[in-house]
C-alpha cells in the first residue's frame, strides 16, 4: 500500500516535470489548440499560429526555430 502511494506520487511528479519541459519546446496554436514544435509554429505579424492553420488561413510568418537560429 505504501509502495503504491509513493509510486503514484513519483509518477505524478515526473509527469509534471515532463509537461513543463515540453512546453519549453512547443506552443499551443490559438486556432486549432494543438501543440506545435518550434519548427511548425509561426510568428506572424497579426497572429502566431501553427503552420497548418497558417496555410489554411493564408497567413505568413517565420518559424520560432528559424528566429532562434538567427538570434543565436
PDB file of N, CA and C in Angstrom:
ATOM      1  N   UNK A   1       0.826  -1.194   0.000  1.00  0.00           N
ATOM      2  CA  UNK A   1       0.000   0.000   0.000  1.00  0.00           C
ATOM      3  C   UNK A   1       0.876   1.266   0.000  1.00  0.00           C
ATOM      4  N   UNK A   2       1.908   1.284   0.833  1.00  0.00           N
ATOM      5  CA  UNK A   2       2.799   2.445   0.902  1.00  0.00           C
ATOM      6  C   UNK A   2       3.577   2.572  -0.401  1.00  0.00           C
ATOM      7  N   UNK A   3       4.021   1.423  -0.935  1.00  0.00           N
ATOM      8  CA  UNK A   3       4.753   1.446  -2.201  1.00  0.00           C
ATOM      9  C   UNK A   3       3.887   2.049  -3.302  1.00  0.00           C
ATOM     10  N   UNK A   4       2.633   1.687  -3.344  1.00  0.00           N
ATOM     11  CA  UNK A   4       1.708   2.202  -4.370  1.00  0.00           C
ATOM     12  C   UNK A   4       1.548   3.715  -4.253  1.00  0.00           C
ATOM     13  N   UNK A   5       1.425   4.222  -3.044  1.00  0.00           N
ATOM     14  CA  UNK A   5       1.270   5.668  -2.837  1.00  0.00           C
ATOM     15  C   UNK A   5       2.542   6.419  -3.243  1.00  0.00           C
ATOM     16  N   UNK A   6       3.703   5.882  -2.880  1.00  0.00           N
ATOM     17  CA  UNK A   6       4.966   6.513  -3.265  1.00  0.00           C
ATOM     18  C   UNK A   6       5.164   6.481  -4.782  1.00  0.00           C
ATOM     19  N   UNK A   7       4.840   5.353  -5.385  1.00  0.00           N
ATOM     20  CA  UNK A   7       4.955   5.227  -6.836  1.00  0.00           C
ATOM     21  C   UNK A   7       4.064   6.242  -7.538  1.00  0.00           C
ATOM     22  N   UNK A   8       2.843   6.368  -7.083  1.00  0.00           N
ATOM     23  CA  UNK A   8       1.892   7.307  -7.703  1.00  0.00           C
ATOM     24  C   UNK A   8       2.384   8.746  -7.575  1.00  0.00           C
ATOM     25  N   UNK A   9       2.921   9.109  -6.419  1.00  0.00           N
ATOM     26  CA  UNK A   9       3.419  10.467  -6.214  1.00  0.00           C
ATOM     27  C   UNK A   9       4.622  10.746  -7.109  1.00  0.00           C
ATOM     28  N   UNK A  10       5.552   9.779  -7.190  1.00  0.00           N
ATOM     29  CA  UNK A  10       6.720   9.946  -8.058  1.00  0.00           C
ATOM     30  C   UNK A  10       6.305  10.026  -9.524  1.00  0.00           C
ATOM     31  N   UNK A  11       5.335   9.237  -9.901  1.00  0.00           N
ATOM     32  CA  UNK A  11       4.833   9.255 -11.277  1.00  0.00           C
ATOM     33  C   UNK A  11       4.193  10.604 -11.602  1.00  0.00           C
ATOM     34  N   UNK A  12       3.399  11.126 -10.700  1.00  0.00           N
ATOM     35  CA  UNK A  12       2.772  12.432 -10.907  1.00  0.00           C
ATOM     36  C   UNK A  12       3.814  13.543 -11.008  1.00  0.00           C
ATOM     37  N   UNK A  13       4.837  13.482 -10.151  1.00  0.00           N
ATOM     38  CA  UNK A  13       5.916  14.478 -10.192  1.00  0.00           C
ATOM     39  C   UNK A  13       6.681  14.403 -11.514  1.00  0.00           C
ATOM     40  N   UNK A  14       6.967  13.199 -11.981  1.00  0.00           N
ATOM     41  CA  UNK A  14       7.682  13.022 -13.248  1.00  0.00           C
ATOM     42  C   UNK A  14       6.849  13.543 -14.412  1.00  0.00           C
ATOM     43  N   UNK A  15       5.564  13.292 -14.371  1.00  0.00           N
ATOM     44  CA  UNK A  15       4.673  13.786 -15.435  1.00  0.00           C
ATOM     45  C   UNK A  15       4.654  15.305 -15.452  1.00  0.00           C
ATOM     46  N   UNK A  16       4.579  15.919 -14.307  1.00  0.00           N
ATOM     47  CA  UNK A  16       4.560  17.381 -14.212  1.00  0.00           C
ATOM     48  C   UNK A  16       5.864  17.982 -14.746  1.00  0.00           C
ATOM     49  N   UNK A  17       6.993  17.375 -14.414  1.00  0.00           N
ATOM     50  CA  UNK A  17       8.287  17.850 -14.941  1.00  0.00           C
ATOM     51  C   UNK A  17       8.354  17.704 -16.450  1.00  0.00           C
ATOM     52  N   UNK A  18       7.842  16.605 -16.969  1.00  0.00           N
ATOM     53  CA  UNK A  18       7.860  16.368 -18.414  1.00  0.00           C
ATOM     54  C   UNK A  18       6.990  17.385 -19.150  1.00  0.00           C
ATOM     55  N   UNK A  19       5.841  17.684 -18.607  1.00  0.00           N
ATOM     56  CA  UNK A  19       4.957  18.677 -19.230  1.00  0.00           C
ATOM     57  C   UNK A  19       5.617  20.047 -19.224  1.00  0.00           C
ATOM     58  N   UNK A  20       6.204  20.421 -18.118  1.00  0.00           N
ATOM     59  CA  UNK A  20       6.884  21.717 -18.018  1.00  0.00           C
ATOM     60  C   UNK A  20       8.020  21.804 -19.031  1.00  0.00           C
ATOM     61  N   UNK A  21       8.798  20.739 -19.157  1.00  0.00           N
ATOM     62  CA  UNK A  21       9.905  20.730 -20.111  1.00  0.00           C
ATOM     63  C   UNK A  21       9.404  20.769 -21.555  1.00  0.00           C
ATOM     64  N   UNK A  22       8.347  20.047 -21.839  1.00  0.00           N
ATOM     65  CA  UNK A  22       7.801  20.021 -23.196  1.00  0.00           C
ATOM     66  C   UNK A  22       7.281  21.388 -23.613  1.00  0.00           C
ATOM     67  N   UNK A  23       6.690  22.119 -22.706  1.00  0.00           N
ATOM     68  CA  UNK A  23       6.138  23.432 -23.040  1.00  0.00           C
ATOM     69  C   UNK A  23       7.228  24.442 -23.394  1.00  0.00           C
ATOM     70  N   UNK A  24       8.490  24.133 -23.061  1.00  0.00           N
ATOM     71  CA  UNK A  24       9.597  24.992 -23.465  1.00  0.00           C
ATOM     72  C   UNK A  24       9.892  24.830 -24.955  1.00  0.00           C
ATOM     73  N   UNK A  25       9.448  23.724 -25.564  1.00  0.00           N
ATOM     74  CA  UNK A  25       9.752  23.421 -26.961  1.00  0.00           C
ATOM     75  C   UNK A  25       8.518  23.408 -27.853  1.00  0.00           C
ATOM     76  N   UNK A  26       7.344  23.551 -27.281  1.00  0.00           N
ATOM     77  CA  UNK A  26       6.103  23.507 -28.044  1.00  0.00           C
ATOM     78  C   UNK A  26       5.252  24.720 -27.697  1.00  0.00           C
ATOM     79  N   UNK A  27       4.416  25.117 -28.646  1.00  0.00           N
ATOM     80  CA  UNK A  27       3.486  26.220 -28.441  1.00  0.00           C
ATOM     81  C   UNK A  27       2.091  25.746 -28.824  1.00  0.00           C
ATOM     82  N   UNK A  28       1.084  26.274 -28.157  1.00  0.00           N
ATOM     83  CA  UNK A  28      -0.292  25.891 -28.457  1.00  0.00           C
ATOM     84  C   UNK A  28      -0.864  26.879 -29.471  1.00  0.00           C
ATOM     85  N   UNK A  29      -1.382  26.347 -30.557  1.00  0.00           N
ATOM     86  CA  UNK A  29      -1.995  27.173 -31.594  1.00  0.00           C
ATOM     87  C   UNK A  29      -3.315  27.734 -31.072  1.00  0.00           C
ATOM     88  N   UNK A  30      -3.526  29.047 -31.193  1.00  0.00           N
ATOM     89  CA  UNK A  30      -4.774  29.632 -30.696  1.00  0.00           C
ATOM     90  C   UNK A  30      -5.978  29.288 -31.565  1.00  0.00           C
ATOM     91  N   UNK A  31      -5.758  28.788 -32.766  1.00  0.00           N
ATOM     92  CA  UNK A  31      -6.859  28.443 -33.666  1.00  0.00           C
ATOM     93  C   UNK A  31      -7.326  27.009 -33.431  1.00  0.00           C
ATOM     94  N   UNK A  32      -6.438  26.041 -33.620  1.00  0.00           N
ATOM     95  CA  UNK A  32      -6.828  24.627 -33.512  1.00  0.00           C
ATOM     96  C   UNK A  32      -6.539  24.019 -32.140  1.00  0.00           C
ATOM     97  N   UNK A  33      -5.809  24.738 -31.297  1.00  0.00           N
ATOM     98  CA  UNK A  33      -5.478  24.319 -29.927  1.00  0.00           C
ATOM     99  C   UNK A  33      -4.491  23.149 -29.861  1.00  0.00           C
ATOM    100  N   UNK A  34      -3.881  22.768 -30.995  1.00  0.00           N
ATOM    101  CA  UNK A  34      -2.880  21.698 -30.983  1.00  0.00           C
ATOM    102  C   UNK A  34      -1.528  22.259 -30.560  1.00  0.00           C
ATOM    103  N   UNK A  35      -0.671  21.369 -30.053  1.00  0.00           N
ATOM    104  CA  UNK A  35       0.697  21.754 -29.739  1.00  0.00           C
ATOM    105  C   UNK A  35       1.527  21.652 -31.005  1.00  0.00           C
ATOM    106  N   UNK A  36       2.365  22.640 -31.241  1.00  0.00           N
ATOM    107  CA  UNK A  36       3.238  22.645 -32.414  1.00  0.00           C
ATOM    108  C   UNK A  36       4.668  22.875 -31.952  1.00  0.00           C
ATOM    109  N   UNK A  37       5.601  22.158 -32.579  1.00  0.00           N
ATOM    110  CA  UNK A  37       7.006  22.331 -32.240  1.00  0.00           C
ATOM    111  C   UNK A  37       7.492  23.678 -32.769  1.00  0.00           C
ATOM    112  N   UNK A  38       8.709  24.063 -32.386  1.00  0.00           N
ATOM    113  CA  UNK A  38       9.253  25.353 -32.807  1.00  0.00           C
ATOM    114  C   UNK A  38       9.394  25.449 -34.322  1.00  0.00           C
ATOM    115  N   UNK A  39       9.568  24.332 -35.000  1.00  0.00           N
ATOM    116  CA  UNK A  39       9.694  24.336 -36.456  1.00  0.00           C
ATOM    117  C   UNK A  39       8.338  24.588 -37.117  1.00  0.00           C
ATOM    118  N   UNK A  40       7.257  24.152 -36.490  1.00  0.00           N
ATOM    119  CA  UNK A  40       5.922  24.223 -37.089  1.00  0.00           C
ATOM    120  C   UNK A  40       5.063  25.356 -36.535  1.00  0.00           C
ATOM    121  N   UNK A  41       5.577  26.140 -35.617  1.00  0.00           N
ATOM    122  CA  UNK A  41       4.818  27.255 -35.058  1.00  0.00           C
ATOM    123  C   UNK A  41       5.354  28.548 -35.642  1.00  0.00           C
ATOM    124  N   UNK A  42       4.480  29.328 -36.237  1.00  0.00           N
ATOM    125  CA  UNK A  42       4.882  30.537 -36.940  1.00  0.00           C
ATOM    126  C   UNK A  42       4.518  31.789 -36.152  1.00  0.00           C
ATOM    127  N   UNK A  43       5.437  32.726 -36.163  1.00  0.00           N
ATOM    128  CA  UNK A  43       5.197  34.027 -35.567  1.00  0.00           C
ATOM    129  C   UNK A  43       4.873  34.981 -36.713  1.00  0.00           C
ATOM    130  N   UNK A  44       3.628  35.409 -36.780  1.00  0.00           N
ATOM    131  CA  UNK A  44       3.188  36.281 -37.856  1.00  0.00           C
ATOM    132  C   UNK A  44       3.027  37.715 -37.396  1.00  0.00           C
ATOM    133  N   UNK A  45       2.724  38.576 -38.337  1.00  0.00           N
ATOM    134  CA  UNK A  45       2.524  39.983 -37.998  1.00  0.00           C
ATOM    135  C   UNK A  45       1.225  40.175 -37.217  1.00  0.00           C
ATOM    136  N   UNK A  46       0.175  39.463 -37.630  1.00  0.00           N
ATOM    137  CA  UNK A  46      -1.128  39.630 -36.995  1.00  0.00           C
ATOM    138  C   UNK A  46      -1.399  38.610 -35.892  1.00  0.00           C
ATOM    139  N   UNK A  47      -0.969  37.376 -36.116  1.00  0.00           N
ATOM    140  CA  UNK A  47      -1.275  36.305 -35.175  1.00  0.00           C
ATOM    141  C   UNK A  47      -0.191  35.233 -35.247  1.00  0.00           C
ATOM    142  N   UNK A  48       0.089  34.600 -34.133  1.00  0.00           N
ATOM    143  CA  UNK A  48       1.020  33.473 -34.069  1.00  0.00           C
ATOM    144  C   UNK A  48       0.179  32.201 -34.113  1.00  0.00           C
ATOM    145  N   UNK A  49       0.541  31.252 -35.003  1.00  0.00           N
ATOM    146  CA  UNK A  49      -0.247  30.044 -35.149  1.00  0.00           C
ATOM    147  C   UNK A  49       0.572  28.935 -35.779  1.00  0.00           C
ATOM    148  N   UNK A  50       0.004  27.723 -35.794  1.00  0.00           N
ATOM    149  CA  UNK A  50       0.722  26.586 -36.360  1.00  0.00           C
ATOM    150  C   UNK A  50       0.748  26.690 -37.881  1.00  0.00           C
ATOM    151  N   UNK A  51       1.655  25.970 -38.490  1.00  0.00           N
ATOM    152  CA  UNK A  51       1.834  26.029 -39.945  1.00  0.00           C
ATOM    153  C   UNK A  51       0.589  25.542 -40.683  1.00  0.00           C
ATOM    154  N   UNK A  52      -0.106  24.540 -40.152  1.00  0.00           N
ATOM    155  CA  UNK A  52      -1.318  24.041 -40.806  1.00  0.00           C
ATOM    156  C   UNK A  52      -2.406  25.111 -40.853  1.00  0.00           C
ATOM    157  N   UNK A  53      -2.639  25.774 -39.733  1.00  0.00           N
ATOM    158  CA  UNK A  53      -3.658  26.827 -39.700  1.00  0.00           C
ATOM    159  C   UNK A  53      -3.230  28.024 -40.545  1.00  0.00           C
ATOM    160  N   UNK A  54      -1.932  28.321 -40.545  1.00  0.00           N
ATOM    161  CA  UNK A  54      -1.428  29.433 -41.356  1.00  0.00           C
ATOM    162  C   UNK A  54      -1.688  29.160 -42.840  1.00  0.00           C
ATOM    163  N   UNK A  55      -1.435  27.933 -43.276  1.00  0.00           N
ATOM    164  CA  UNK A  55      -1.684  27.583 -44.675  1.00  0.00           C
ATOM    165  C   UNK A  55      -3.170  27.678 -44.999  1.00  0.00           C
ATOM    166  N   UNK A  56      -4.011  27.184 -44.094  1.00  0.00           N
ATOM    167  CA  UNK A  56      -5.453  27.212 -44.316  1.00  0.00           C
ATOM    168  C   UNK A  56      -5.979  28.643 -44.370  1.00  0.00           C
ATOM    169  N   UNK A  57      -5.467  29.510 -43.490  1.00  0.00           N
ATOM    170  CA  UNK A  57      -5.924  30.904 -43.422  1.00  0.00           C
ATOM    171  C   UNK A  57      -5.118  31.838 -44.332  1.00  0.00           C
ATOM    172  N   UNK A  58      -4.166  31.275 -45.057  1.00  0.00           N
ATOM    173  CA  UNK A  58      -3.299  32.028 -45.963  1.00  0.00           C
ATOM    174  C   UNK A  58      -2.573  33.161 -45.231  1.00  0.00           C
ATOM    175  N   UNK A  59      -2.055  32.810 -44.053  1.00  0.00           N
ATOM    176  CA  UNK A  59      -1.253  33.736 -43.256  1.00  0.00           C
ATOM    177  C   UNK A  59       0.219  33.386 -43.451  1.00  0.00           C
ATOM    178  N   UNK A  60       1.086  34.327 -43.237  1.00  0.00           N
ATOM    179  CA  UNK A  60       2.512  34.050 -43.341  1.00  0.00           C
ATOM    180  C   UNK A  60       3.184  34.411 -42.025  1.00  0.00           C
ATOM    181  N   UNK A  61       4.354  33.877 -41.864  1.00  0.00           N
ATOM    182  CA  UNK A  61       5.122  34.156 -40.660  1.00  0.00           C
ATOM    183  C   UNK A  61       6.427  33.394 -40.700  1.00  0.00           C
ATOM    184  N   UNK A  62       7.222  33.601 -39.695  1.00  0.00           N
ATOM    185  CA  UNK A  62       8.516  32.940 -39.603  1.00  0.00           C
ATOM    186  C   UNK A  62       8.483  31.980 -38.426  1.00  0.00           C
ATOM    187  N   UNK A  63       9.068  30.808 -38.622  1.00  0.00           N
ATOM    188  CA  UNK A  63       9.029  29.802 -37.566  1.00  0.00           C
ATOM    189  C   UNK A  63       9.871  30.240 -36.369  1.00  0.00           C
ATOM    190  N   UNK A  64       9.481  29.770 -35.213  1.00  0.00           N
ATOM    191  CA  UNK A  64      10.214  30.060 -33.986  1.00  0.00           C
ATOM    192  C   UNK A  64      11.643  29.534 -34.115  1.00  0.00           C
ATOM    193  N   UNK A  65      11.781  28.345 -34.690  1.00  0.00           N
ATOM    194  CA  UNK A  65      13.105  27.730 -34.843  1.00  0.00           C
ATOM    195  C   UNK A  65      14.037  28.621 -35.670  1.00  0.00           C
ATOM    196  N   UNK A  66      13.549  29.153 -36.776  1.00  0.00           N
ATOM    197  CA  UNK A  66      14.417  29.986 -37.613  1.00  0.00           C
ATOM    198  C   UNK A  66      14.801  31.277 -36.905  1.00  0.00           C
ATOM    199  N   UNK A  67      13.905  31.813 -36.110  1.00  0.00           N
ATOM    200  CA  UNK A  67      14.233  33.019 -35.336  1.00  0.00           C
ATOM    201  C   UNK A  67      15.267  32.721 -34.261  1.00  0.00           C
ATOM    202  N   UNK A  68      15.178  31.555 -33.639  1.00  0.00           N
ATOM    203  CA  UNK A  68      16.160  31.165 -32.629  1.00  0.00           C
ATOM    204  C   UNK A  68      17.539  30.995 -33.249  1.00  0.00           C
ATOM    205  N   UNK A  69      17.598  30.431 -34.444  1.00  0.00           N
ATOM    206  CA  UNK A  69      18.863  30.228 -35.132  1.00  0.00           C
ATOM    207  C   UNK A  69      19.475  31.584 -35.507  1.00  0.00           C
ATOM    208  N   UNK A  70      18.645  32.500 -36.000  1.00  0.00           N
ATOM    209  CA  UNK A  70      19.123  33.826 -36.394  1.00  0.00           C
ATOM    210  C   UNK A  70      19.678  34.604 -35.205  1.00  0.00           C
ATOM    211  N   UNK A  71      18.994  34.497 -34.071  1.00  0.00           N
ATOM    212  CA  UNK A  71      19.366  35.276 -32.883  1.00  0.00           C
ATOM    213  C   UNK A  71      20.412  34.579 -32.027  1.00  0.00           C
ATOM    214  N   UNK A  72      20.832  33.419 -32.454  1.00  0.00           N
ATOM    215  CA  UNK A  72      21.919  32.708 -31.765  1.00  0.00           C
ATOM    216  C   UNK A  72      21.465  32.038 -30.567  1.00  0.00           C
TER     217      UNK A  72
END
